[in-house]
Amino acid sequence: AQSEPVTVTVHGVPLSGVSLWAQPPGGQVALGDRLVLSCAV
């Protein structure tokens, strides 16, 4: 036996809450040192 078909629709979620942070914190870095920026959604 089988059921009647059902339609499933997956909707996209709009982009929101894009943020970034730095290492070292606050984005203050000494000349010649390493800076890493990271992004998140």
Full PDB file with SEQRES, HELIX, SHEET, SSBOND, CRYST1, ORIGX, SCALE, CONECT and MASTER records, all heavy atoms in Angstrom:
SEQRES   1 A   41  ALA GLN SER GLU PRO VAL THR VAL THR VAL HIS GLY VAL          
SEQRES   2 A   41  PRO LEU SER GLY VAL SER LEU TRP ALA GLN PRO PRO GLY          
SEQRES   3 A   41  GLY GLN VAL ALA LEU GLY ASP ARG LEU VAL LEU SER CYS          
SEQRES   4 A   41  ALA VAL                                                      
HELIX    1 AA1 PRO A   25  GLY A   27  5                                   3    
SHEET    1 AA1 2 SER A  19  GLN A  23  0                                        
SHEET    2 AA1 2 VAL A  36  ALA A  40 -1                                        
CRYST1    1.000    1.000    1.000  90.00  90.00  90.00 P 1           1          
ORIGX1      1.000000  0.000000  0.000000        0.00000                         
ORIGX2      0.000000  1.000000  0.000000        0.00000                         
ORIGX3      0.000000  0.000000  1.000000        0.00000                         
SCALE1      1.000000  0.000000  0.000000        0.00000                         
SCALE2      0.000000  1.000000  0.000000        0.00000                         
SCALE3      0.000000  0.000000  1.000000        0.00000                         
ATOM      1  N   ALA A   1       0.844  -1.198   0.000  1.00  0.00           N  
ATOM      2  CA  ALA A   1       0.000   0.000   0.000  1.00  0.00           C  
ATOM      3  C   ALA A   1       0.876   1.244   0.000  1.00  0.00           C  
ATOM      4  O   ALA A   1       2.028   1.207   0.442  1.00  0.00           O  
ATOM      5  CB  ALA A   1      -0.904  -0.004   1.229  1.00  0.00           C  
ATOM      6  N   GLN A   2       0.310   2.309  -0.508  1.00  0.00           N  
ATOM      7  CA  GLN A   2       1.042   3.578  -0.471  1.00  0.00           C  
ATOM      8  C   GLN A   2       0.071   4.723  -0.231  1.00  0.00           C  
ATOM      9  O   GLN A   2      -1.104   4.642  -0.572  1.00  0.00           O  
ATOM     10  CB  GLN A   2       1.848   3.805  -1.737  1.00  0.00           C  
ATOM     11  CG  GLN A   2       1.058   4.012  -2.995  1.00  0.00           C  
ATOM     12  CD  GLN A   2       1.970   4.163  -4.206  1.00  0.00           C  
ATOM     13  OE1 GLN A   2       3.132   3.777  -4.176  1.00  0.00           O  
ATOM     14  NE2 GLN A   2       1.448   4.715  -5.275  1.00  0.00           N  
ATOM     15  N   SER A   3       0.616   5.787   0.375  1.00  0.00           N  
ATOM     16  CA  SER A   3      -0.200   6.953   0.693  1.00  0.00           C  
ATOM     17  C   SER A   3      -0.376   7.824  -0.548  1.00  0.00           C  
ATOM     18  O   SER A   3       0.312   7.648  -1.554  1.00  0.00           O  
ATOM     19  CB  SER A   3       0.481   7.781   1.791  1.00  0.00           C  
ATOM     20  OG  SER A   3       1.649   8.393   1.282  1.00  0.00           O  
ATOM     21  N   GLU A   4      -1.275   8.775  -0.438  1.00  0.00           N  
ATOM     22  CA  GLU A   4      -1.397   9.807  -1.468  1.00  0.00           C  
ATOM     23  C   GLU A   4      -0.143  10.687  -1.369  1.00  0.00           C  
ATOM     24  O   GLU A   4       0.408  10.873  -0.287  1.00  0.00           O  
ATOM     25  CB  GLU A   4      -2.642  10.660  -1.228  1.00  0.00           C  
ATOM     26  CG  GLU A   4      -3.946   9.921  -1.472  1.00  0.00           C  
ATOM     27  CD  GLU A   4      -4.080   9.478  -2.922  1.00  0.00           C  
ATOM     28  OE1 GLU A   4      -3.760  10.269  -3.831  1.00  0.00           O  
ATOM     29  OE2 GLU A   4      -4.488   8.319  -3.140  1.00  0.00           O  
ATOM     30  N   PRO A   5       0.323  11.231  -2.488  1.00  0.00           N  
ATOM     31  CA  PRO A   5       1.512  12.087  -2.420  1.00  0.00           C  
ATOM     32  C   PRO A   5       1.213  13.413  -1.719  1.00  0.00           C  
ATOM     33  O   PRO A   5       0.088  13.896  -1.743  1.00  0.00           O  
ATOM     34  CB  PRO A   5       1.880  12.314  -3.883  1.00  0.00           C  
ATOM     35  CG  PRO A   5       0.653  11.993  -4.661  1.00  0.00           C  
ATOM     36  CD  PRO A   5      -0.166  11.047  -3.849  1.00  0.00           C  
ATOM     37  N   VAL A   6       2.235  13.941  -1.090  1.00  0.00           N  
ATOM     38  CA  VAL A   6       2.149  15.250  -0.447  1.00  0.00           C  
ATOM     39  C   VAL A   6       3.288  16.108  -1.004  1.00  0.00           C  
ATOM     40  O   VAL A   6       4.374  15.599  -1.272  1.00  0.00           O  
ATOM     41  CB  VAL A   6       2.223  15.135   1.098  1.00  0.00           C  
ATOM     42  CG1 VAL A   6       3.544  14.558   1.549  1.00  0.00           C  
ATOM     43  CG2 VAL A   6       1.976  16.467   1.761  1.00  0.00           C  
ATOM     44  N   THR A   7       3.030  17.385  -1.205  1.00  0.00           N  
ATOM     45  CA  THR A   7       4.044  18.298  -1.730  1.00  0.00           C  
ATOM     46  C   THR A   7       4.714  19.031  -0.574  1.00  0.00           C  
ATOM     47  O   THR A   7       4.045  19.601   0.288  1.00  0.00           O  
ATOM     48  CB  THR A   7       3.420  19.320  -2.697  1.00  0.00           C  
ATOM     49  OG1 THR A   7       2.832  18.609  -3.783  1.00  0.00           O  
ATOM     50  CG2 THR A   7       4.470  20.285  -3.230  1.00  0.00           C  
ATOM     51  N   VAL A   8       6.041  18.985  -0.548  1.00  0.00           N  
ATOM     52  CA  VAL A   8       6.840  19.683   0.463  1.00  0.00           C  
ATOM     53  C   VAL A   8       7.603  20.795  -0.248  1.00  0.00           C  
ATOM     54  O   VAL A   8       8.278  20.544  -1.259  1.00  0.00           O  
ATOM     55  CB  VAL A   8       7.831  18.721   1.167  1.00  0.00           C  
ATOM     56  CG1 VAL A   8       8.749  19.484   2.097  1.00  0.00           C  
ATOM     57  CG2 VAL A   8       7.070  17.636   1.904  1.00  0.00           C  
ATOM     58  N   THR A   9       7.470  22.007   0.257  1.00  0.00           N  
ATOM     59  CA  THR A   9       8.192  23.157  -0.308  1.00  0.00           C  
ATOM     60  C   THR A   9       9.092  23.745   0.763  1.00  0.00           C  
ATOM     61  O   THR A   9       8.622  24.125   1.830  1.00  0.00           O  
ATOM     62  CB  THR A   9       7.208  24.236  -0.810  1.00  0.00           C  
ATOM     63  OG1 THR A   9       6.316  23.639  -1.752  1.00  0.00           O  
ATOM     64  CG2 THR A   9       7.956  25.389  -1.469  1.00  0.00           C  
ATOM     65  N   VAL A  10      10.393  23.782   0.481  1.00  0.00           N  
ATOM     66  CA  VAL A  10      11.365  24.355   1.411  1.00  0.00           C  
ATOM     67  C   VAL A  10      11.658  25.780   0.955  1.00  0.00           C  
ATOM     68  O   VAL A  10      12.033  26.007  -0.195  1.00  0.00           O  
ATOM     69  CB  VAL A  10      12.675  23.532   1.444  1.00  0.00           C  
ATOM     70  CG1 VAL A  10      13.676  24.143   2.406  1.00  0.00           C  
ATOM     71  CG2 VAL A  10      12.377  22.081   1.811  1.00  0.00           C  
ATOM     72  N   HIS A  11      11.450  26.734   1.853  1.00  0.00           N  
ATOM     73  CA  HIS A  11      11.685  28.144   1.545  1.00  0.00           C  
ATOM     74  C   HIS A  11      13.036  28.574   2.094  1.00  0.00           C  
ATOM     75  O   HIS A  11      13.443  28.129   3.159  1.00  0.00           O  
ATOM     76  CB  HIS A  11      10.590  29.025   2.168  1.00  0.00           C  
ATOM     77  CG  HIS A  11       9.231  28.727   1.631  1.00  0.00           C  
ATOM     78  ND1 HIS A  11       8.801  29.210   0.419  1.00  0.00           N  
ATOM     79  CD2 HIS A  11       8.218  27.981   2.126  1.00  0.00           C  
ATOM     80  CE1 HIS A  11       7.567  28.779   0.190  1.00  0.00           C  
ATOM     81  NE2 HIS A  11       7.197  28.028   1.213  1.00  0.00           N  
ATOM     82  N   GLY A  12      13.709  29.437   1.354  1.00  0.00           N  
ATOM     83  CA  GLY A  12      14.987  29.981   1.814  1.00  0.00           C  
ATOM     84  C   GLY A  12      14.802  30.971   2.948  1.00  0.00           C  
ATOM     85  O   GLY A  12      13.764  31.618   3.063  1.00  0.00           O  
ATOM     86  N   VAL A  13      15.817  31.080   3.793  1.00  0.00           N  
ATOM     87  CA  VAL A  13      15.819  32.048   4.893  1.00  0.00           C  
ATOM     88  C   VAL A  13      16.682  33.225   4.465  1.00  0.00           C  
ATOM     89  O   VAL A  13      17.841  33.042   4.082  1.00  0.00           O  
ATOM     90  CB  VAL A  13      16.389  31.410   6.181  1.00  0.00           C  
ATOM     91  CG1 VAL A  13      16.481  32.424   7.295  1.00  0.00           C  
ATOM     92  CG2 VAL A  13      15.554  30.216   6.596  1.00  0.00           C  
ATOM     93  N   PRO A  14      16.141  34.458   4.488  1.00  0.00           N  
ATOM     94  CA  PRO A  14      16.933  35.615   4.068  1.00  0.00           C  
ATOM     95  C   PRO A  14      18.162  35.818   4.970  1.00  0.00           C  
ATOM     96  O   PRO A  14      18.142  35.494   6.154  1.00  0.00           O  
ATOM     97  CB  PRO A  14      15.964  36.797   4.218  1.00  0.00           C  
ATOM     98  CG  PRO A  14      14.610  36.191   4.303  1.00  0.00           C  
ATOM     99  CD  PRO A  14      14.789  34.816   4.866  1.00  0.00           C  
ATOM    100  N   LEU A  15      19.210  36.364   4.381  1.00  0.00           N  
ATOM    101  CA  LEU A  15      20.429  36.669   5.130  1.00  0.00           C  
ATOM    102  C   LEU A  15      20.160  37.738   6.178  1.00  0.00           C  
ATOM    103  O   LEU A  15      19.505  38.734   5.892  1.00  0.00           O  
ATOM    104  CB  LEU A  15      21.513  37.193   4.180  1.00  0.00           C  
ATOM    105  CG  LEU A  15      22.099  36.205   3.190  1.00  0.00           C  
ATOM    106  CD1 LEU A  15      22.975  36.932   2.186  1.00  0.00           C  
ATOM    107  CD2 LEU A  15      22.892  35.151   3.912  1.00  0.00           C  
ATOM    108  N   SER A  16      20.682  37.526   7.367  1.00  0.00           N  
ATOM    109  CA  SER A  16      20.605  38.555   8.412  1.00  0.00           C  
ATOM    110  C   SER A  16      21.645  38.265   9.477  1.00  0.00           C  
ATOM    111  O   SER A  16      22.152  37.152   9.597  1.00  0.00           O  
ATOM    112  CB  SER A  16      19.209  38.600   9.054  1.00  0.00           C  
ATOM    113  OG  SER A  16      18.943  37.416   9.767  1.00  0.00           O  
ATOM    114  N   GLY A  17      21.959  39.293  10.244  1.00  0.00           N  
ATOM    115  CA  GLY A  17      22.876  39.125  11.370  1.00  0.00           C  
ATOM    116  C   GLY A  17      24.306  38.858  10.961  1.00  0.00           C  
ATOM    117  O   GLY A  17      24.976  38.031  11.580  1.00  0.00           O  
ATOM    118  N   VAL A  18      24.799  39.548   9.920  1.00  0.00           N  
ATOM    119  CA  VAL A  18      26.193  39.380   9.508  1.00  0.00           C  
ATOM    120  C   VAL A  18      27.075  40.194  10.463  1.00  0.00           C  
ATOM    121  O   VAL A  18      26.845  41.377  10.677  1.00  0.00           O  
ATOM    122  CB  VAL A  18      26.414  39.851   8.051  1.00  0.00           C  
ATOM    123  CG1 VAL A  18      27.871  39.684   7.646  1.00  0.00           C  
ATOM    124  CG2 VAL A  18      25.501  39.075   7.107  1.00  0.00           C  
ATOM    125  N   SER A  19      28.053  39.536  11.058  1.00  0.00           N  
ATOM    126  CA  SER A  19      28.927  40.212  12.023  1.00  0.00           C  
ATOM    127  C   SER A  19      30.370  39.810  11.778  1.00  0.00           C  
ATOM    128  O   SER A  19      30.645  38.809  11.131  1.00  0.00           O  
ATOM    129  CB  SER A  19      28.517  39.864  13.457  1.00  0.00           C  
ATOM    130  OG  SER A  19      28.626  38.471  13.672  1.00  0.00           O  
ATOM    131  N   LEU A  20      31.276  40.622  12.289  1.00  0.00           N  
ATOM    132  CA  LEU A  20      32.680  40.267  12.191  1.00  0.00           C  
ATOM    133  C   LEU A  20      33.381  40.626  13.478  1.00  0.00           C  
ATOM    134  O   LEU A  20      32.936  41.476  14.238  1.00  0.00           O  
ATOM    135  CB  LEU A  20      33.344  40.900  10.969  1.00  0.00           C  
ATOM    136  CG  LEU A  20      33.678  42.371  10.939  1.00  0.00           C  
ATOM    137  CD1 LEU A  20      35.086  42.607  11.466  1.00  0.00           C  
ATOM    138  CD2 LEU A  20      33.627  42.868   9.505  1.00  0.00           C  
ATOM    139  N   TRP A  21      34.488  39.946  13.728  1.00  0.00           N  
ATOM    140  CA  TRP A  21      35.322  40.233  14.884  1.00  0.00           C  
ATOM    141  C   TRP A  21      36.772  40.030  14.498  1.00  0.00           C  
ATOM    142  O   TRP A  21      37.075  39.435  13.473  1.00  0.00           O  
ATOM    143  CB  TRP A  21      34.910  39.413  16.103  1.00  0.00           C  
ATOM    144  CG  TRP A  21      35.116  37.940  15.983  1.00  0.00           C  
ATOM    145  CD1 TRP A  21      36.189  37.226  16.427  1.00  0.00           C  
ATOM    146  CD2 TRP A  21      34.244  36.983  15.384  1.00  0.00           C  
ATOM    147  NE1 TRP A  21      36.039  35.894  16.133  1.00  0.00           N  
ATOM    148  CE2 TRP A  21      34.856  35.718  15.491  1.00  0.00           C  
ATOM    149  CE3 TRP A  21      33.012  37.077  14.754  1.00  0.00           C  
ATOM    150  CZ2 TRP A  21      34.268  34.559  15.001  1.00  0.00           C  
ATOM    151  CZ3 TRP A  21      32.437  35.914  14.262  1.00  0.00           C  
ATOM    152  CH2 TRP A  21      33.051  34.688  14.399  1.00  0.00           C  
ATOM    153  N   ALA A  22      37.642  40.551  15.343  1.00  0.00           N  
ATOM    154  CA  ALA A  22      39.069  40.558  15.023  1.00  0.00           C  
ATOM    155  C   ALA A  22      39.877  39.887  16.110  1.00  0.00           C  
ATOM    156  O   ALA A  22      39.496  39.849  17.276  1.00  0.00           O  
ATOM    157  CB  ALA A  22      39.550  41.996  14.851  1.00  0.00           C  
ATOM    158  N   GLN A  23      41.018  39.363  15.687  1.00  0.00           N  
ATOM    159  CA  GLN A  23      42.025  38.867  16.611  1.00  0.00           C  
ATOM    160  C   GLN A  23      43.338  39.532  16.206  1.00  0.00           C  
ATOM    161  O   GLN A  23      43.802  39.289  15.109  1.00  0.00           O  
ATOM    162  CB  GLN A  23      42.141  37.348  16.523  1.00  0.00           C  
ATOM    163  CG  GLN A  23      43.082  36.738  17.536  1.00  0.00           C  
ATOM    164  CD  GLN A  23      42.667  37.029  18.971  1.00  0.00           C  
ATOM    165  OE1 GLN A  23      41.493  37.011  19.299  1.00  0.00           O  
ATOM    166  NE2 GLN A  23      43.627  37.337  19.806  1.00  0.00           N  
ATOM    167  N   PRO A  24      43.911  40.430  16.980  1.00  0.00           N  
ATOM    168  CA  PRO A  24      43.560  40.773  18.353  1.00  0.00           C  
ATOM    169  C   PRO A  24      42.229  41.540  18.444  1.00  0.00           C  
ATOM    170  O   PRO A  24      41.843  42.220  17.505  1.00  0.00           O  
ATOM    171  CB  PRO A  24      44.721  41.653  18.821  1.00  0.00           C  
ATOM    172  CG  PRO A  24      45.379  42.154  17.594  1.00  0.00           C  
ATOM    173  CD  PRO A  24      45.088  41.178  16.513  1.00  0.00           C  
ATOM    174  N   PRO A  25      41.561  41.400  19.608  1.00  0.00           N  
ATOM    175  CA  PRO A  25      40.248  42.015  19.812  1.00  0.00           C  
ATOM    176  C   PRO A  25      40.290  43.525  19.603  1.00  0.00           C  
ATOM    177  O   PRO A  25      41.273  44.185  19.922  1.00  0.00           O  
ATOM    178  CB  PRO A  25      39.915  41.678  21.274  1.00  0.00           C  
ATOM    179  CG  PRO A  25      40.744  40.471  21.586  1.00  0.00           C  
ATOM    180  CD  PRO A  25      41.996  40.621  20.772  1.00  0.00           C  
ATOM    181  N   GLY A  26      39.204  44.041  19.057  1.00  0.00           N  
ATOM    182  CA  GLY A  26      39.078  45.483  18.864  1.00  0.00           C  
ATOM    183  C   GLY A  26      39.759  45.994  17.609  1.00  0.00           C  
ATOM    184  O   GLY A  26      39.622  47.150  17.246  1.00  0.00           O  
ATOM    185  N   GLY A  27      40.514  45.140  16.924  1.00  0.00           N  
ATOM    186  CA  GLY A  27      41.141  45.545  15.682  1.00  0.00           C  
ATOM    187  C   GLY A  27      42.358  46.435  15.844  1.00  0.00           C  
ATOM    188  O   GLY A  27      42.784  47.071  14.892  1.00  0.00           O  
ATOM    189  N   GLN A  28      42.940  46.476  17.035  1.00  0.00           N  
ATOM    190  CA  GLN A  28      44.178  47.232  17.228  1.00  0.00           C  
ATOM    191  C   GLN A  28      45.335  46.251  17.205  1.00  0.00           C  
ATOM    192  O   GLN A  28      45.435  45.367  18.052  1.00  0.00           O  
ATOM    193  CB  GLN A  28      44.151  48.001  18.554  1.00  0.00           C  
ATOM    194  CG  GLN A  28      43.119  49.094  18.544  1.00  0.00           C  
ATOM    195  CD  GLN A  28      43.311  50.079  19.666  1.00  0.00           C  
ATOM    196  OE1 GLN A  28      44.173  49.917  20.519  1.00  0.00           O  
ATOM    197  NE2 GLN A  28      42.499  51.113  19.668  1.00  0.00           N  
ATOM    198  N   VAL A  29      46.217  46.423  16.221  1.00  0.00           N  
ATOM    199  CA  VAL A  29      47.299  45.473  16.004  1.00  0.00           C  
ATOM    200  C   VAL A  29      48.601  46.237  15.786  1.00  0.00           C  
ATOM    201  O   VAL A  29      48.617  47.293  15.173  1.00  0.00           O  
ATOM    202  CB  VAL A  29      46.965  44.543  14.808  1.00  0.00           C  
ATOM    203  CG1 VAL A  29      46.753  45.314  13.532  1.00  0.00           C  
ATOM    204  CG2 VAL A  29      48.006  43.472  14.624  1.00  0.00           C  
ATOM    205  N   ALA A  30      49.688  45.712  16.332  1.00  0.00           N  
ATOM    206  CA  ALA A  30      50.992  46.356  16.194  1.00  0.00           C  
ATOM    207  C   ALA A  30      51.542  46.135  14.789  1.00  0.00           C  
ATOM    208  O   ALA A  30      51.311  45.092  14.173  1.00  0.00           O  
ATOM    209  CB  ALA A  30      51.964  45.801  17.236  1.00  0.00           C  
ATOM    210  N   LEU A  31      52.247  47.116  14.302  1.00  0.00           N  
ATOM    211  CA  LEU A  31      52.893  47.049  12.990  1.00  0.00           C  
ATOM    212  C   LEU A  31      53.723  45.766  12.893  1.00  0.00           C  
ATOM    213  O   LEU A  31      54.510  45.455  13.786  1.00  0.00           O  
ATOM    214  CB  LEU A  31      53.785  48.285  12.800  1.00  0.00           C  
ATOM    215  CG  LEU A  31      54.475  48.429  11.449  1.00  0.00           C  
ATOM    216  CD1 LEU A  31      53.444  48.643  10.350  1.00  0.00           C  
ATOM    217  CD2 LEU A  31      55.467  49.585  11.481  1.00  0.00           C  
ATOM    218  N   GLY A  32      53.507  44.992  11.832  1.00  0.00           N  
ATOM    219  CA  GLY A  32      54.248  43.747  11.618  1.00  0.00           C  
ATOM    220  C   GLY A  32      53.610  42.521  12.241  1.00  0.00           C  
ATOM    221  O   GLY A  32      54.028  41.402  11.967  1.00  0.00           O  
ATOM    222  N   ASP A  33      52.603  42.714  13.106  1.00  0.00           N  
ATOM    223  CA  ASP A  33      51.929  41.576  13.732  1.00  0.00           C  
ATOM    224  C   ASP A  33      50.840  41.019  12.813  1.00  0.00           C  
ATOM    225  O   ASP A  33      50.501  41.596  11.788  1.00  0.00           O  
ATOM    226  CB  ASP A  33      51.324  41.971  15.079  1.00  0.00           C  
ATOM    227  CG  ASP A  33      52.358  42.016  16.196  1.00  0.00           C  
ATOM    228  OD1 ASP A  33      53.534  41.700  15.934  1.00  0.00           O  
ATOM    229  OD2 ASP A  33      51.980  42.383  17.318  1.00  0.00           O  
ATOM    230  N   ARG A  34      50.260  39.913  13.245  1.00  0.00           N  
ATOM    231  CA  ARG A  34      49.232  39.207  12.490  1.00  0.00           C  
ATOM    232  C   ARG A  34      47.845  39.709  12.890  1.00  0.00           C  
ATOM    233  O   ARG A  34      47.561  39.915  14.068  1.00  0.00           O  
ATOM    234  CB  ARG A  34      49.359  37.716  12.804  1.00  0.00           C  
ATOM    235  CG  ARG A  34      48.346  36.835  12.161  1.00  0.00           C  
ATOM    236  CD  ARG A  34      48.733  35.371  12.467  1.00  0.00           C  
ATOM    237  NE  ARG A  34      47.633  34.492  12.202  1.00  0.00           N  
ATOM    238  CZ  ARG A  34      46.978  33.802  13.122  1.00  0.00           C  
ATOM    239  NH1 ARG A  34      47.334  33.879  14.382  1.00  0.00           N  
ATOM    240  NH2 ARG A  34      45.980  33.017  12.788  1.00  0.00           N  
ATOM    241  N   LEU A  35      46.962  39.865  11.888  1.00  0.00           N  
ATOM    242  CA  LEU A  35      45.572  40.241  12.110  1.00  0.00           C  
ATOM    243  C   LEU A  35      44.689  39.208  11.436  1.00  0.00           C  
ATOM    244  O   LEU A  35      44.917  38.842  10.279  1.00  0.00           O  
ATOM    245  CB  LEU A  35      45.275  41.625  11.510  1.00  0.00           C  
ATOM    246  CG  LEU A  35      43.809  42.053  11.510  1.00  0.00           C  
ATOM    247  CD1 LEU A  35      43.313  42.327  12.934  1.00  0.00           C  
ATOM    248  CD2 LEU A  35      43.613  43.290  10.632  1.00  0.00           C  
ATOM    249  N   VAL A  36      43.693  38.713  12.174  1.00  0.00           N  
ATOM    250  CA  VAL A  36      42.721  37.770  11.608  1.00  0.00           C  
ATOM    251  C   VAL A  36      41.332  38.344  11.823  1.00  0.00           C  
ATOM    252  O   VAL A  36      40.952  38.662  12.950  1.00  0.00           O  
ATOM    253  CB  VAL A  36      42.822  36.372  12.262  1.00  0.00           C  
ATOM    254  CG1 VAL A  36      41.759  35.433  11.676  1.00  0.00           C  
ATOM    255  CG2 VAL A  36      44.208  35.786  12.076  1.00  0.00           C  
ATOM    256  N   LEU A  37      40.580  38.492  10.730  1.00  0.00           N  
ATOM    257  CA  LEU A  37      39.189  38.933  10.790  1.00  0.00           C  
ATOM    258  C   LEU A  37      38.306  37.733  10.459  1.00  0.00           C  
ATOM    259  O   LEU A  37      38.610  36.974   9.533  1.00  0.00           O  
ATOM    260  CB  LEU A  37      38.936  40.057   9.794  1.00  0.00           C  
ATOM    261  CG  LEU A  37      39.776  41.316   9.968  1.00  0.00           C  
ATOM    262  CD1 LEU A  37      39.490  42.315   8.850  1.00  0.00           C  
ATOM    263  CD2 LEU A  37      39.525  41.947  11.321  1.00  0.00           C  
ATOM    264  N   SER A  38      37.226  37.557  11.218  1.00  0.00           N  
ATOM    265  CA  SER A  38      36.305  36.442  11.013  1.00  0.00           C  
ATOM    266  C   SER A  38      34.897  36.972  10.812  1.00  0.00           C  
ATOM    267  O   SER A  38      34.492  37.935  11.455  1.00  0.00           O  
ATOM    268  CB  SER A  38      36.323  35.507  12.221  1.00  0.00           C  
ATOM    269  OG  SER A  38      37.609  34.969  12.409  1.00  0.00           O  
ATOM    270  N   CYS A  39      34.145  36.313   9.935  1.00  0.00           N  
ATOM    271  CA  CYS A  39      32.786  36.727   9.597  1.00  0.00           C  
ATOM    272  C   CYS A  39      31.815  35.610   9.983  1.00  0.00           C  
ATOM    273  O   CYS A  39      32.135  34.432   9.863  1.00  0.00           O  
ATOM    274  CB  CYS A  39      32.712  37.001   8.092  1.00  0.00           C  
ATOM    275  SG  CYS A  39      31.186  37.788   7.544  1.00  0.00           S  
ATOM    276  N   ALA A  40      30.629  36.005  10.444  1.00  0.00           N  
ATOM    277  CA  ALA A  40      29.596  35.030  10.815  1.00  0.00           C  
ATOM    278  C   ALA A  40      28.231  35.517  10.347  1.00  0.00           C  
ATOM    279  O   ALA A  40      28.005  36.724  10.231  1.00  0.00           O  
ATOM    280  CB  ALA A  40      29.587  34.815  12.323  1.00  0.00           C  
ATOM    281  N   VAL A  41      27.327  34.574  10.094  1.00  0.00           N  
ATOM    282  CA  VAL A  41      25.967  34.883   9.663  1.00  0.00           C  
ATOM    283  C   VAL A  41      25.011  34.219  10.641  1.00  0.00           C  
ATOM    284  O   VAL A  41      25.088  33.016  10.876  1.00  0.00           O  
ATOM    285  CB  VAL A  41      25.708  34.352   8.232  1.00  0.00           C  
ATOM    286  CG1 VAL A  41      24.284  34.633   7.807  1.00  0.00           C  
ATOM    287  CG2 VAL A  41      26.694  34.946   7.254  1.00  0.00           C  
TER     288      VAL A  41                                                      
MASTER        0    0    0    1    2    0    0    6  287    1    0    4          
END                                                                             
